Amino acid sequence: MSLRDSFDTNATKKEREFSIEDYLKERVKHYGGKCYKFTSPGYAGMPDRIILYKGAVAFVEVKRPGAKPRALQEKRMDEIRQHGGLAFWVSTREEVDRLMMRLVLNG
């Protein structure tokens, strides 16, 4: 264990989440869409990314493999869906691929 690792117990988890997020950005770009980082100051629990693809707008929460959204994150995604929006969460490359297929086929 390096000295850095002894202070940052989440280093491996963060790297894996960033890996999934990078893959999401790559796949969206591959299909010609846009994938923006989303922050909503003063409104916690909002999804990490907004995808624009052929008229569709989708909010996406990215988690590390095996992780699930927190209760507040689920609540925010439910609010988006209740207003007719698309909201998803992904934690693996396979889930990213399925999300993109859904957007591509419905876009």
PDB file of N, CA and C in Angstrom:
ATOM      1  N   MET A   1       0.855  -1.172   0.000  1.00  0.00           N
ATOM      2  CA  MET A   1       0.000   0.000   0.000  1.00  0.00           C
ATOM      3  C   MET A   1       0.899   1.232   0.000  1.00  0.00           C
ATOM      4  N   SER A   2       0.618   2.154  -0.908  1.00  0.00           N
ATOM      5  CA  SER A   2       1.417   3.373  -0.956  1.00  0.00           C
ATOM      6  C   SER A   2       0.943   4.348   0.114  1.00  0.00           C
ATOM      7  N   LEU A   3       1.746   5.364   0.360  1.00  0.00           N
ATOM      8  CA  LEU A   3       1.384   6.386   1.327  1.00  0.00           C
ATOM      9  C   LEU A   3       0.093   7.072   0.893  1.00  0.00           C
ATOM     10  N   ARG A   4      -0.046   7.340  -0.407  1.00  0.00           N
ATOM     11  CA  ARG A   4      -1.254   7.982  -0.923  1.00  0.00           C
ATOM     12  C   ARG A   4      -2.480   7.124  -0.639  1.00  0.00           C
ATOM     13  N   ASP A   5      -2.362   5.818  -0.864  1.00  0.00           N
ATOM     14  CA  ASP A   5      -3.481   4.914  -0.634  1.00  0.00           C
ATOM     15  C   ASP A   5      -3.907   4.874   0.825  1.00  0.00           C
ATOM     16  N   SER A   6      -2.963   5.065   1.726  1.00  0.00           N
ATOM     17  CA  SER A   6      -3.319   5.017   3.141  1.00  0.00           C
ATOM     18  C   SER A   6      -4.206   6.196   3.531  1.00  0.00           C
ATOM     19  N   PHE A   7      -4.141   7.301   2.778  1.00  0.00           N
ATOM     20  CA  PHE A   7      -4.985   8.460   3.062  1.00  0.00           C
ATOM     21  C   PHE A   7      -6.264   8.448   2.243  1.00  0.00           C
ATOM     22  N   ASP A   8      -6.248   7.837   1.069  1.00  0.00           N
ATOM     23  CA  ASP A   8      -7.403   7.849   0.178  1.00  0.00           C
ATOM     24  C   ASP A   8      -7.950   6.434   0.047  1.00  0.00           C
ATOM     25  N   THR A   9      -8.846   6.071   0.959  1.00  0.00           N
ATOM     26  CA  THR A   9      -9.376   4.716   0.958  1.00  0.00           C
ATOM     27  C   THR A   9     -10.341   4.471  -0.191  1.00  0.00           C
ATOM     28  N   ASN A  10     -10.786   5.526  -0.877  1.00  0.00           N
ATOM     29  CA  ASN A  10     -11.722   5.367  -1.986  1.00  0.00           C
ATOM     30  C   ASN A  10     -11.034   5.439  -3.346  1.00  0.00           C
ATOM     31  N   ALA A  11      -9.719   5.441  -3.401  1.00  0.00           N
ATOM     32  CA  ALA A  11      -8.998   5.621  -4.670  1.00  0.00           C
ATOM     33  C   ALA A  11      -9.421   4.599  -5.711  1.00  0.00           C
ATOM     34  N   THR A  12      -9.473   3.334  -5.353  1.00  0.00           N
ATOM     35  CA  THR A  12      -9.832   2.298  -6.321  1.00  0.00           C
ATOM     36  C   THR A  12     -11.287   2.447  -6.747  1.00  0.00           C
ATOM     37  N   LYS A  13     -12.183   2.709  -5.825  1.00  0.00           N
ATOM     38  CA  LYS A  13     -13.593   2.877  -6.149  1.00  0.00           C
ATOM     39  C   LYS A  13     -13.786   4.040  -7.119  1.00  0.00           C
ATOM     40  N   LYS A  14     -13.135   5.164  -6.856  1.00  0.00           N
ATOM     41  CA  LYS A  14     -13.263   6.334  -7.718  1.00  0.00           C
ATOM     42  C   LYS A  14     -12.748   6.024  -9.116  1.00  0.00           C
ATOM     43  N   GLU A  15     -11.621   5.344  -9.210  1.00  0.00           N
ATOM     44  CA  GLU A  15     -11.063   5.011 -10.519  1.00  0.00           C
ATOM     45  C   GLU A  15     -12.045   4.164 -11.308  1.00  0.00           C
ATOM     46  N   ARG A  16     -12.705   3.248 -10.681  1.00  0.00           N
ATOM     47  CA  ARG A  16     -13.650   2.395 -11.395  1.00  0.00           C
ATOM     48  C   ARG A  16     -14.882   3.192 -11.830  1.00  0.00           C
ATOM     49  N   GLU A  17     -15.384   4.077 -10.978  1.00  0.00           N
ATOM     50  CA  GLU A  17     -16.524   4.899 -11.373  1.00  0.00           C
ATOM     51  C   GLU A  17     -16.139   5.810 -12.527  1.00  0.00           C
ATOM     52  N   PHE A  18     -14.956   6.419 -12.437  1.00  0.00           N
ATOM     53  CA  PHE A  18     -14.501   7.281 -13.525  1.00  0.00           C
ATOM     54  C   PHE A  18     -14.331   6.478 -14.805  1.00  0.00           C
ATOM     55  N   SER A  19     -13.930   5.234 -14.687  1.00  0.00           N
ATOM     56  CA  SER A  19     -13.785   4.378 -15.860  1.00  0.00           C
ATOM     57  C   SER A  19     -15.133   4.177 -16.561  1.00  0.00           C
ATOM     58  N   ILE A  20     -16.186   3.931 -15.796  1.00  0.00           N
ATOM     59  CA  ILE A  20     -17.527   3.765 -16.368  1.00  0.00           C
ATOM     60  C   ILE A  20     -17.995   5.091 -16.968  1.00  0.00           C
ATOM     61  N   GLU A  21     -17.731   6.183 -16.280  1.00  0.00           N
ATOM     62  CA  GLU A  21     -18.133   7.500 -16.787  1.00  0.00           C
ATOM     63  C   GLU A  21     -17.403   7.830 -18.091  1.00  0.00           C
ATOM     64  N   ASP A  22     -16.114   7.529 -18.150  1.00  0.00           N
ATOM     65  CA  ASP A  22     -15.355   7.747 -19.391  1.00  0.00           C
ATOM     66  C   ASP A  22     -15.910   6.899 -20.526  1.00  0.00           C
ATOM     67  N   TYR A  23     -16.272   5.672 -20.229  1.00  0.00           N
ATOM     68  CA  TYR A  23     -16.837   4.793 -21.252  1.00  0.00           C
ATOM     69  C   TYR A  23     -18.174   5.352 -21.755  1.00  0.00           C
ATOM     70  N   LEU A  24     -18.994   5.852 -20.840  1.00  0.00           N
ATOM     71  CA  LEU A  24     -20.262   6.477 -21.227  1.00  0.00           C
ATOM     72  C   LEU A  24     -20.011   7.640 -22.181  1.00  0.00           C
ATOM     73  N   LYS A  25     -19.069   8.506 -21.834  1.00  0.00           N
ATOM     74  CA  LYS A  25     -18.765   9.653 -22.698  1.00  0.00           C
ATOM     75  C   LYS A  25     -18.303   9.198 -24.078  1.00  0.00           C
ATOM     76  N   GLU A  26     -17.451   8.185 -24.112  1.00  0.00           N
ATOM     77  CA  GLU A  26     -16.952   7.656 -25.396  1.00  0.00           C
ATOM     78  C   GLU A  26     -18.076   7.104 -26.260  1.00  0.00           C
ATOM     79  N   ARG A  27     -18.987   6.339 -25.655  1.00  0.00           N
ATOM     80  CA  ARG A  27     -20.075   5.722 -26.421  1.00  0.00           C
ATOM     81  C   ARG A  27     -21.052   6.775 -26.938  1.00  0.00           C
ATOM     82  N   VAL A  28     -21.371   7.759 -26.118  1.00  0.00           N
ATOM     83  CA  VAL A  28     -22.269   8.828 -26.563  1.00  0.00           C
ATOM     84  C   VAL A  28     -21.640   9.571 -27.741  1.00  0.00           C
ATOM     85  N   LYS A  29     -20.357   9.884 -27.620  1.00  0.00           N
ATOM     86  CA  LYS A  29     -19.655  10.571 -28.711  1.00  0.00           C
ATOM     87  C   LYS A  29     -19.638   9.707 -29.974  1.00  0.00           C
ATOM     88  N   HIS A  30     -19.410   8.409 -29.818  1.00  0.00           N
ATOM     89  CA  HIS A  30     -19.378   7.480 -30.954  1.00  0.00           C
ATOM     90  C   HIS A  30     -20.675   7.550 -31.768  1.00  0.00           C
ATOM     91  N   TYR A  31     -21.805   7.687 -31.082  1.00  0.00           N
ATOM     92  CA  TYR A  31     -23.099   7.740 -31.758  1.00  0.00           C
ATOM     93  C   TYR A  31     -23.506   9.151 -32.179  1.00  0.00           C
ATOM     94  N   GLY A  32     -22.641  10.127 -31.912  1.00  0.00           N
ATOM     95  CA  GLY A  32     -22.924  11.488 -32.357  1.00  0.00           C
ATOM     96  C   GLY A  32     -23.711  12.331 -31.373  1.00  0.00           C
ATOM     97  N   GLY A  33     -23.802  11.882 -30.131  1.00  0.00           N
ATOM     98  CA  GLY A  33     -24.519  12.636 -29.118  1.00  0.00           C
ATOM     99  C   GLY A  33     -23.585  13.497 -28.286  1.00  0.00           C
ATOM    100  N   LYS A  34     -24.155  14.159 -27.330  1.00  0.00           N
ATOM    101  CA  LYS A  34     -23.400  14.983 -26.385  1.00  0.00           C
ATOM    102  C   LYS A  34     -23.634  14.441 -24.976  1.00  0.00           C
ATOM    103  N   CYS A  35     -22.587  14.483 -24.160  1.00  0.00           N
ATOM    104  CA  CYS A  35     -22.667  13.976 -22.794  1.00  0.00           C
ATOM    105  C   CYS A  35     -22.059  15.029 -21.872  1.00  0.00           C
ATOM    106  N   TYR A  36     -22.910  15.796 -21.223  1.00  0.00           N
ATOM    107  CA  TYR A  36     -22.462  16.894 -20.375  1.00  0.00           C
ATOM    108  C   TYR A  36     -22.438  16.493 -18.904  1.00  0.00           C
ATOM    109  N   LYS A  37     -21.429  16.988 -18.195  1.00  0.00           N
ATOM    110  CA  LYS A  37     -21.389  16.845 -16.737  1.00  0.00           C
ATOM    111  C   LYS A  37     -22.484  17.741 -16.186  1.00  0.00           C
ATOM    112  N   PHE A  38     -23.249  17.243 -15.234  1.00  0.00           N
ATOM    113  CA  PHE A  38     -24.367  17.997 -14.699  1.00  0.00           C
ATOM    114  C   PHE A  38     -24.180  18.239 -13.210  1.00  0.00           C
ATOM    115  N   THR A  39     -24.272  19.482 -12.824  1.00  0.00           N
ATOM    116  CA  THR A  39     -24.281  19.832 -11.402  1.00  0.00           C
ATOM    117  C   THR A  39     -25.464  20.751 -11.167  1.00  0.00           C
ATOM    118  N   SER A  40     -26.081  20.603 -10.035  1.00  0.00           N
ATOM    119  CA  SER A  40     -27.234  21.417  -9.686  1.00  0.00           C
ATOM    120  C   SER A  40     -27.021  21.970  -8.286  1.00  0.00           C
ATOM    121  N   PRO A  41     -26.311  23.095  -8.188  1.00  0.00           N
ATOM    122  CA  PRO A  41     -26.007  23.662  -6.869  1.00  0.00           C
ATOM    123  C   PRO A  41     -27.279  23.865  -6.033  1.00  0.00           C
ATOM    124  N   GLY A  42     -27.202  23.441  -4.795  1.00  0.00           N
ATOM    125  CA  GLY A  42     -28.324  23.601  -3.885  1.00  0.00           C
ATOM    126  C   GLY A  42     -29.405  22.551  -4.036  1.00  0.00           C
ATOM    127  N   TYR A  43     -29.188  21.561  -4.924  1.00  0.00           N
ATOM    128  CA  TYR A  43     -30.190  20.520  -5.142  1.00  0.00           C
ATOM    129  C   TYR A  43     -29.464  19.182  -5.207  1.00  0.00           C
ATOM    130  N   ALA A  44     -29.250  18.585  -4.064  1.00  0.00           N
ATOM    131  CA  ALA A  44     -28.463  17.351  -3.958  1.00  0.00           C
ATOM    132  C   ALA A  44     -29.175  16.163  -4.593  1.00  0.00           C
ATOM    133  N   GLY A  45     -28.365  15.185  -5.019  1.00  0.00           N
ATOM    134  CA  GLY A  45     -28.889  13.923  -5.499  1.00  0.00           C
ATOM    135  C   GLY A  45     -29.199  13.864  -6.978  1.00  0.00           C
ATOM    136  N   MET A  46     -28.896  14.931  -7.706  1.00  0.00           N
ATOM    137  CA  MET A  46     -29.183  14.922  -9.142  1.00  0.00           C
ATOM    138  C   MET A  46     -28.185  14.020  -9.873  1.00  0.00           C
ATOM    139  N   PRO A  47     -28.591  13.435 -11.008  1.00  0.00           N
ATOM    140  CA  PRO A  47     -27.693  12.567 -11.779  1.00  0.00           C
ATOM    141  C   PRO A  47     -26.434  13.284 -12.247  1.00  0.00           C
ATOM    142  N   ASP A  48     -25.387  12.499 -12.539  1.00  0.00           N
ATOM    143  CA  ASP A  48     -24.070  13.026 -12.907  1.00  0.00           C
ATOM    144  C   ASP A  48     -24.010  13.624 -14.302  1.00  0.00           C
ATOM    145  N   ARG A  49     -24.768  13.054 -15.237  1.00  0.00           N
ATOM    146  CA  ARG A  49     -24.613  13.391 -16.650  1.00  0.00           C
ATOM    147  C   ARG A  49     -25.951  13.672 -17.309  1.00  0.00           C
ATOM    148  N   ILE A  50     -25.912  14.528 -18.333  1.00  0.00           N
ATOM    149  CA  ILE A  50     -27.051  14.747 -19.221  1.00  0.00           C
ATOM    150  C   ILE A  50     -26.593  14.345 -20.617  1.00  0.00           C
ATOM    151  N   ILE A  51     -27.361  13.461 -21.242  1.00  0.00           N
ATOM    152  CA  ILE A  51     -27.061  13.029 -22.614  1.00  0.00           C
ATOM    153  C   ILE A  51     -28.087  13.662 -23.546  1.00  0.00           C
ATOM    154  N   LEU A  52     -27.595  14.226 -24.636  1.00  0.00           N
ATOM    155  CA  LEU A  52     -28.455  14.723 -25.708  1.00  0.00           C
ATOM    156  C   LEU A  52     -28.191  13.853 -26.917  1.00  0.00           C
ATOM    157  N   TYR A  53     -29.262  13.253 -27.445  1.00  0.00           N
ATOM    158  CA  TYR A  53     -29.104  12.385 -28.611  1.00  0.00           C
ATOM    159  C   TYR A  53     -30.373  12.430 -29.452  1.00  0.00           C
ATOM    160  N   LYS A  54     -30.272  13.014 -30.629  1.00  0.00           N
ATOM    161  CA  LYS A  54     -31.369  13.061 -31.607  1.00  0.00           C
ATOM    162  C   LYS A  54     -32.704  13.434 -30.977  1.00  0.00           C
ATOM    163  N   GLY A  55     -32.729  14.524 -30.254  1.00  0.00           N
ATOM    164  CA  GLY A  55     -33.965  15.008 -29.655  1.00  0.00           C
ATOM    165  C   GLY A  55     -34.275  14.448 -28.283  1.00  0.00           C
ATOM    166  N   ALA A  56     -33.579  13.416 -27.867  1.00  0.00           N
ATOM    167  CA  ALA A  56     -33.790  12.836 -26.540  1.00  0.00           C
ATOM    168  C   ALA A  56     -32.852  13.505 -25.536  1.00  0.00           C
ATOM    169  N   VAL A  57     -33.360  13.712 -24.341  1.00  0.00           N
ATOM    170  CA  VAL A  57     -32.559  14.222 -23.231  1.00  0.00           C
ATOM    171  C   VAL A  57     -32.673  13.193 -22.113  1.00  0.00           C
ATOM    172  N   ALA A  58     -31.537  12.654 -21.688  1.00  0.00           N
ATOM    173  CA  ALA A  58     -31.527  11.624 -20.650  1.00  0.00           C
ATOM    174  C   ALA A  58     -30.571  12.026 -19.530  1.00  0.00           C
ATOM    175  N   PHE A  59     -31.026  11.878 -18.301  1.00  0.00           N
ATOM    176  CA  PHE A  59     -30.198  12.110 -17.124  1.00  0.00           C
ATOM    177  C   PHE A  59     -29.643  10.762 -16.686  1.00  0.00           C
ATOM    178  N   VAL A  60     -28.334  10.709 -16.410  1.00  0.00           N
ATOM    179  CA  VAL A  60     -27.695   9.433 -16.085  1.00  0.00           C
ATOM    180  C   VAL A  60     -26.831   9.561 -14.834  1.00  0.00           C
ATOM    181  N   GLU A  61     -27.104   8.709 -13.867  1.00  0.00           N
ATOM    182  CA  GLU A  61     -26.277   8.583 -12.671  1.00  0.00           C
ATOM    183  C   GLU A  61     -25.276   7.461 -12.924  1.00  0.00           C
ATOM    184  N   VAL A  62     -24.004   7.729 -12.699  1.00  0.00           N
ATOM    185  CA  VAL A  62     -22.948   6.743 -12.915  1.00  0.00           C
ATOM    186  C   VAL A  62     -22.444   6.263 -11.554  1.00  0.00           C
ATOM    187  N   LYS A  63     -22.400   4.943 -11.386  1.00  0.00           N
ATOM    188  CA  LYS A  63     -21.920   4.338 -10.142  1.00  0.00           C
ATOM    189  C   LYS A  63     -20.759   3.404 -10.453  1.00  0.00           C
ATOM    190  N   ARG A  64     -19.978   3.097  -9.442  1.00  0.00           N
ATOM    191  CA  ARG A  64     -18.916   2.111  -9.620  1.00  0.00           C
ATOM    192  C   ARG A  64     -19.563   0.745  -9.760  1.00  0.00           C
ATOM    193  N   PRO A  65     -18.866  -0.199 -10.369  1.00  0.00           N
ATOM    194  CA  PRO A  65     -19.450  -1.530 -10.536  1.00  0.00           C
ATOM    195  C   PRO A  65     -19.939  -2.115  -9.216  1.00  0.00           C
ATOM    196  N   GLY A  66     -21.158  -2.605  -9.238  1.00  0.00           N
ATOM    197  CA  GLY A  66     -21.753  -3.209  -8.052  1.00  0.00           C
ATOM    198  C   GLY A  66     -22.476  -2.246  -7.134  1.00  0.00           C
ATOM    199  N   ALA A  67     -22.294  -0.953  -7.332  1.00  0.00           N
ATOM    200  CA  ALA A  67     -22.945   0.037  -6.473  1.00  0.00           C
ATOM    201  C   ALA A  67     -24.310   0.421  -7.027  1.00  0.00           C
ATOM    202  N   LYS A  68     -25.167   0.911  -6.152  1.00  0.00           N
ATOM    203  CA  LYS A  68     -26.505   1.364  -6.541  1.00  0.00           C
ATOM    204  C   LYS A  68     -26.687   2.805  -6.081  1.00  0.00           C
ATOM    205  N   PRO A  69     -27.616   3.517  -6.696  1.00  0.00           N
ATOM    206  CA  PRO A  69     -27.870   4.905  -6.273  1.00  0.00           C
ATOM    207  C   PRO A  69     -28.364   4.969  -4.830  1.00  0.00           C
ATOM    208  N   ARG A  70     -28.027   6.068  -4.175  1.00  0.00           N
ATOM    209  CA  ARG A  70     -28.534   6.322  -2.831  1.00  0.00           C
ATOM    210  C   ARG A  70     -30.029   6.653  -2.928  1.00  0.00           C
ATOM    211  N   ALA A  71     -30.721   6.602  -1.808  1.00  0.00           N
ATOM    212  CA  ALA A  71     -32.168   6.860  -1.780  1.00  0.00           C
ATOM    213  C   ALA A  71     -32.503   8.229  -2.375  1.00  0.00           C
ATOM    214  N   LEU A  72     -31.725   9.245  -2.051  1.00  0.00           N
ATOM    215  CA  LEU A  72     -31.991  10.583  -2.581  1.00  0.00           C
ATOM    216  C   LEU A  72     -31.789  10.619  -4.095  1.00  0.00           C
ATOM    217  N   GLN A  73     -30.790   9.896  -4.588  1.00  0.00           N
ATOM    218  CA  GLN A  73     -30.562   9.837  -6.032  1.00  0.00           C
ATOM    219  C   GLN A  73     -31.733   9.144  -6.736  1.00  0.00           C
ATOM    220  N   GLU A  74     -32.242   8.070  -6.146  1.00  0.00           N
ATOM    221  CA  GLU A  74     -33.423   7.382  -6.691  1.00  0.00           C
ATOM    222  C   GLU A  74     -34.618   8.338  -6.715  1.00  0.00           C
ATOM    223  N   LYS A  75     -34.781   9.099  -5.642  1.00  0.00           N
ATOM    224  CA  LYS A  75     -35.885  10.055  -5.556  1.00  0.00           C
ATOM    225  C   LYS A  75     -35.789  11.085  -6.683  1.00  0.00           C
ATOM    226  N   ARG A  76     -34.605  11.627  -6.910  1.00  0.00           N
ATOM    227  CA  ARG A  76     -34.431  12.629  -7.968  1.00  0.00           C
ATOM    228  C   ARG A  76     -34.724  12.029  -9.345  1.00  0.00           C
ATOM    229  N   MET A  77     -34.266  10.801  -9.584  1.00  0.00           N
ATOM    230  CA  MET A  77     -34.553  10.165 -10.872  1.00  0.00           C
ATOM    231  C   MET A  77     -36.050   9.915 -11.024  1.00  0.00           C
ATOM    232  N   ASP A  78     -36.731   9.528  -9.938  1.00  0.00           N
ATOM    233  CA  ASP A  78     -38.181   9.349  -9.990  1.00  0.00           C
ATOM    234  C   ASP A  78     -38.885  10.671 -10.309  1.00  0.00           C
ATOM    235  N   GLU A  79     -38.415  11.774  -9.726  1.00  0.00           N
ATOM    236  CA  GLU A  79     -38.998  13.090 -10.027  1.00  0.00           C
ATOM    237  C   GLU A  79     -38.867  13.420 -11.513  1.00  0.00           C
ATOM    238  N   ILE A  80     -37.702  13.141 -12.067  1.00  0.00           N
ATOM    239  CA  ILE A  80     -37.470  13.393 -13.499  1.00  0.00           C
ATOM    240  C   ILE A  80     -38.443  12.558 -14.328  1.00  0.00           C
ATOM    241  N   ARG A  81     -38.587  11.288 -13.984  1.00  0.00           N
ATOM    242  CA  ARG A  81     -39.492  10.399 -14.721  1.00  0.00           C
ATOM    243  C   ARG A  81     -40.947  10.839 -14.592  1.00  0.00           C
ATOM    244  N   GLN A  82     -41.352  11.306 -13.410  1.00  0.00           N
ATOM    245  CA  GLN A  82     -42.724  11.756 -13.196  1.00  0.00           C
ATOM    246  C   GLN A  82     -43.074  12.950 -14.075  1.00  0.00           C
ATOM    247  N   HIS A  83     -42.066  13.681 -14.481  1.00  0.00           N
ATOM    248  CA  HIS A  83     -42.289  14.831 -15.361  1.00  0.00           C
ATOM    249  C   HIS A  83     -42.029  14.487 -16.826  1.00  0.00           C
ATOM    250  N   GLY A  84     -41.996  13.189 -17.124  1.00  0.00           N
ATOM    251  CA  GLY A  84     -41.841  12.740 -18.495  1.00  0.00           C
ATOM    252  C   GLY A  84     -40.419  12.648 -18.992  1.00  0.00           C
ATOM    253  N   GLY A  85     -39.454  12.849 -18.100  1.00  0.00           N
ATOM    254  CA  GLY A  85     -38.052  12.784 -18.485  1.00  0.00           C
ATOM    255  C   GLY A  85     -37.496  11.366 -18.448  1.00  0.00           C
ATOM    256  N   LEU A  86     -36.352  11.207 -19.065  1.00  0.00           N
ATOM    257  CA  LEU A  86     -35.632   9.937 -19.048  1.00  0.00           C
ATOM    258  C   LEU A  86     -34.554  10.016 -17.979  1.00  0.00           C
ATOM    259  N   ALA A  87     -34.509   9.041 -17.099  1.00  0.00           N
ATOM    260  CA  ALA A  87     -33.495   9.004 -16.050  1.00  0.00           C
ATOM    261  C   ALA A  87     -33.056   7.562 -15.844  1.00  0.00           C
ATOM    262  N   PHE A  88     -31.744   7.368 -15.819  1.00  0.00           N
ATOM    263  CA  PHE A  88     -31.166   6.031 -15.715  1.00  0.00           C
ATOM    264  C   PHE A  88     -29.976   6.063 -14.777  1.00  0.00           C
ATOM    265  N   TRP A  89     -29.551   4.875 -14.353  1.00  0.00           N
ATOM    266  CA  TRP A  89     -28.257   4.745 -13.687  1.00  0.00           C
ATOM    267  C   TRP A  89     -27.540   3.564 -14.289  1.00  0.00           C
ATOM    268  N   VAL A  90     -26.219   3.685 -14.373  1.00  0.00           N
ATOM    269  CA  VAL A  90     -25.377   2.635 -14.946  1.00  0.00           C
ATOM    270  C   VAL A  90     -24.179   2.396 -14.028  1.00  0.00           C
ATOM    271  N   SER A  91     -23.734   1.134 -13.993  1.00  0.00           N
ATOM    272  CA  SER A  91     -22.565   0.814 -13.167  1.00  0.00           C
ATOM    273  C   SER A  91     -21.592  -0.134 -13.875  1.00  0.00           C
ATOM    274  N   THR A  92     -21.911  -0.502 -15.116  1.00  0.00           N
ATOM    275  CA  THR A  92     -21.018  -1.374 -15.887  1.00  0.00           C
ATOM    276  C   THR A  92     -21.001  -0.917 -17.343  1.00  0.00           C
ATOM    277  N   ARG A  93     -20.014  -1.380 -18.072  1.00  0.00           N
ATOM    278  CA  ARG A  93     -19.950  -1.077 -19.502  1.00  0.00           C
ATOM    279  C   ARG A  93     -21.148  -1.683 -20.236  1.00  0.00           C
ATOM    280  N   GLU A  94     -21.576  -2.852 -19.819  1.00  0.00           N
ATOM    281  CA  GLU A  94     -22.726  -3.510 -20.447  1.00  0.00           C
ATOM    282  C   GLU A  94     -23.989  -2.666 -20.266  1.00  0.00           C
ATOM    283  N   GLU A  95     -24.159  -2.089 -19.091  1.00  0.00           N
ATOM    284  CA  GLU A  95     -25.321  -1.226 -18.853  1.00  0.00           C
ATOM    285  C   GLU A  95     -25.243   0.038 -19.710  1.00  0.00           C
ATOM    286  N   VAL A  96     -24.050   0.566 -19.877  1.00  0.00           N
ATOM    287  CA  VAL A  96     -23.868   1.719 -20.773  1.00  0.00           C
ATOM    288  C   VAL A  96     -24.272   1.326 -22.193  1.00  0.00           C
ATOM    289  N   ASP A  97     -23.822   0.162 -22.644  1.00  0.00           N
ATOM    290  CA  ASP A  97     -24.165  -0.297 -23.998  1.00  0.00           C
ATOM    291  C   ASP A  97     -25.682  -0.457 -24.159  1.00  0.00           C
ATOM    292  N   ARG A  98     -26.344  -1.022 -23.153  1.00  0.00           N
ATOM    293  CA  ARG A  98     -27.808  -1.185 -23.230  1.00  0.00           C
ATOM    294  C   ARG A  98     -28.512   0.172 -23.253  1.00  0.00           C
ATOM    295  N   LEU A  99     -28.030   1.104 -22.456  1.00  0.00           N
ATOM    296  CA  LEU A  99     -28.594   2.456 -22.466  1.00  0.00           C
ATOM    297  C   LEU A  99     -28.454   3.086 -23.840  1.00  0.00           C
ATOM    298  N   MET A 100     -27.279   2.974 -24.432  1.00  0.00           N
ATOM    299  CA  MET A 100     -27.069   3.563 -25.745  1.00  0.00           C
ATOM    300  C   MET A 100     -27.939   2.905 -26.807  1.00  0.00           C
ATOM    301  N   MET A 101     -28.107   1.598 -26.740  1.00  0.00           N
ATOM    302  CA  MET A 101     -28.982   0.916 -27.702  1.00  0.00           C
ATOM    303  C   MET A 101     -30.417   1.419 -27.568  1.00  0.00           C
ATOM    304  N   ARG A 102     -30.850   1.627 -26.340  1.00  0.00           N
ATOM    305  CA  ARG A 102     -32.207   2.157 -26.119  1.00  0.00           C
ATOM    306  C   ARG A 102     -32.342   3.534 -26.744  1.00  0.00           C
ATOM    307  N   LEU A 103     -31.361   4.408 -26.526  1.00  0.00           N
ATOM    308  CA  LEU A 103     -31.416   5.749 -27.100  1.00  0.00           C
ATOM    309  C   LEU A 103     -31.322   5.719 -28.614  1.00  0.00           C
ATOM    310  N   VAL A 104     -30.444   4.881 -29.138  1.00  0.00           N
ATOM    311  CA  VAL A 104     -30.251   4.801 -30.596  1.00  0.00           C
ATOM    312  C   VAL A 104     -31.510   4.256 -31.278  1.00  0.00           C
ATOM    313  N   LEU A 105     -32.107   3.209 -30.703  1.00  0.00           N
ATOM    314  CA  LEU A 105     -33.285   2.606 -31.317  1.00  0.00           C
ATOM    315  C   LEU A 105     -34.524   3.472 -31.204  1.00  0.00           C
ATOM    316  N   ASN A 106     -34.593   4.279 -30.137  1.00  0.00           N
ATOM    317  CA  ASN A 106     -35.756   5.145 -29.943  1.00  0.00           C
ATOM    318  C   ASN A 106     -35.525   6.573 -30.405  1.00  0.00           C
ATOM    319  N   GLY A 107     -34.285   6.881 -30.813  1.00  0.00           N
ATOM    320  CA  GLY A 107     -33.932   8.254 -31.175  1.00  0.00           C
ATOM    321  C   GLY A 107     -34.272   8.650 -32.561  1.00  0.00           C
TER     322      GLY A 107
END
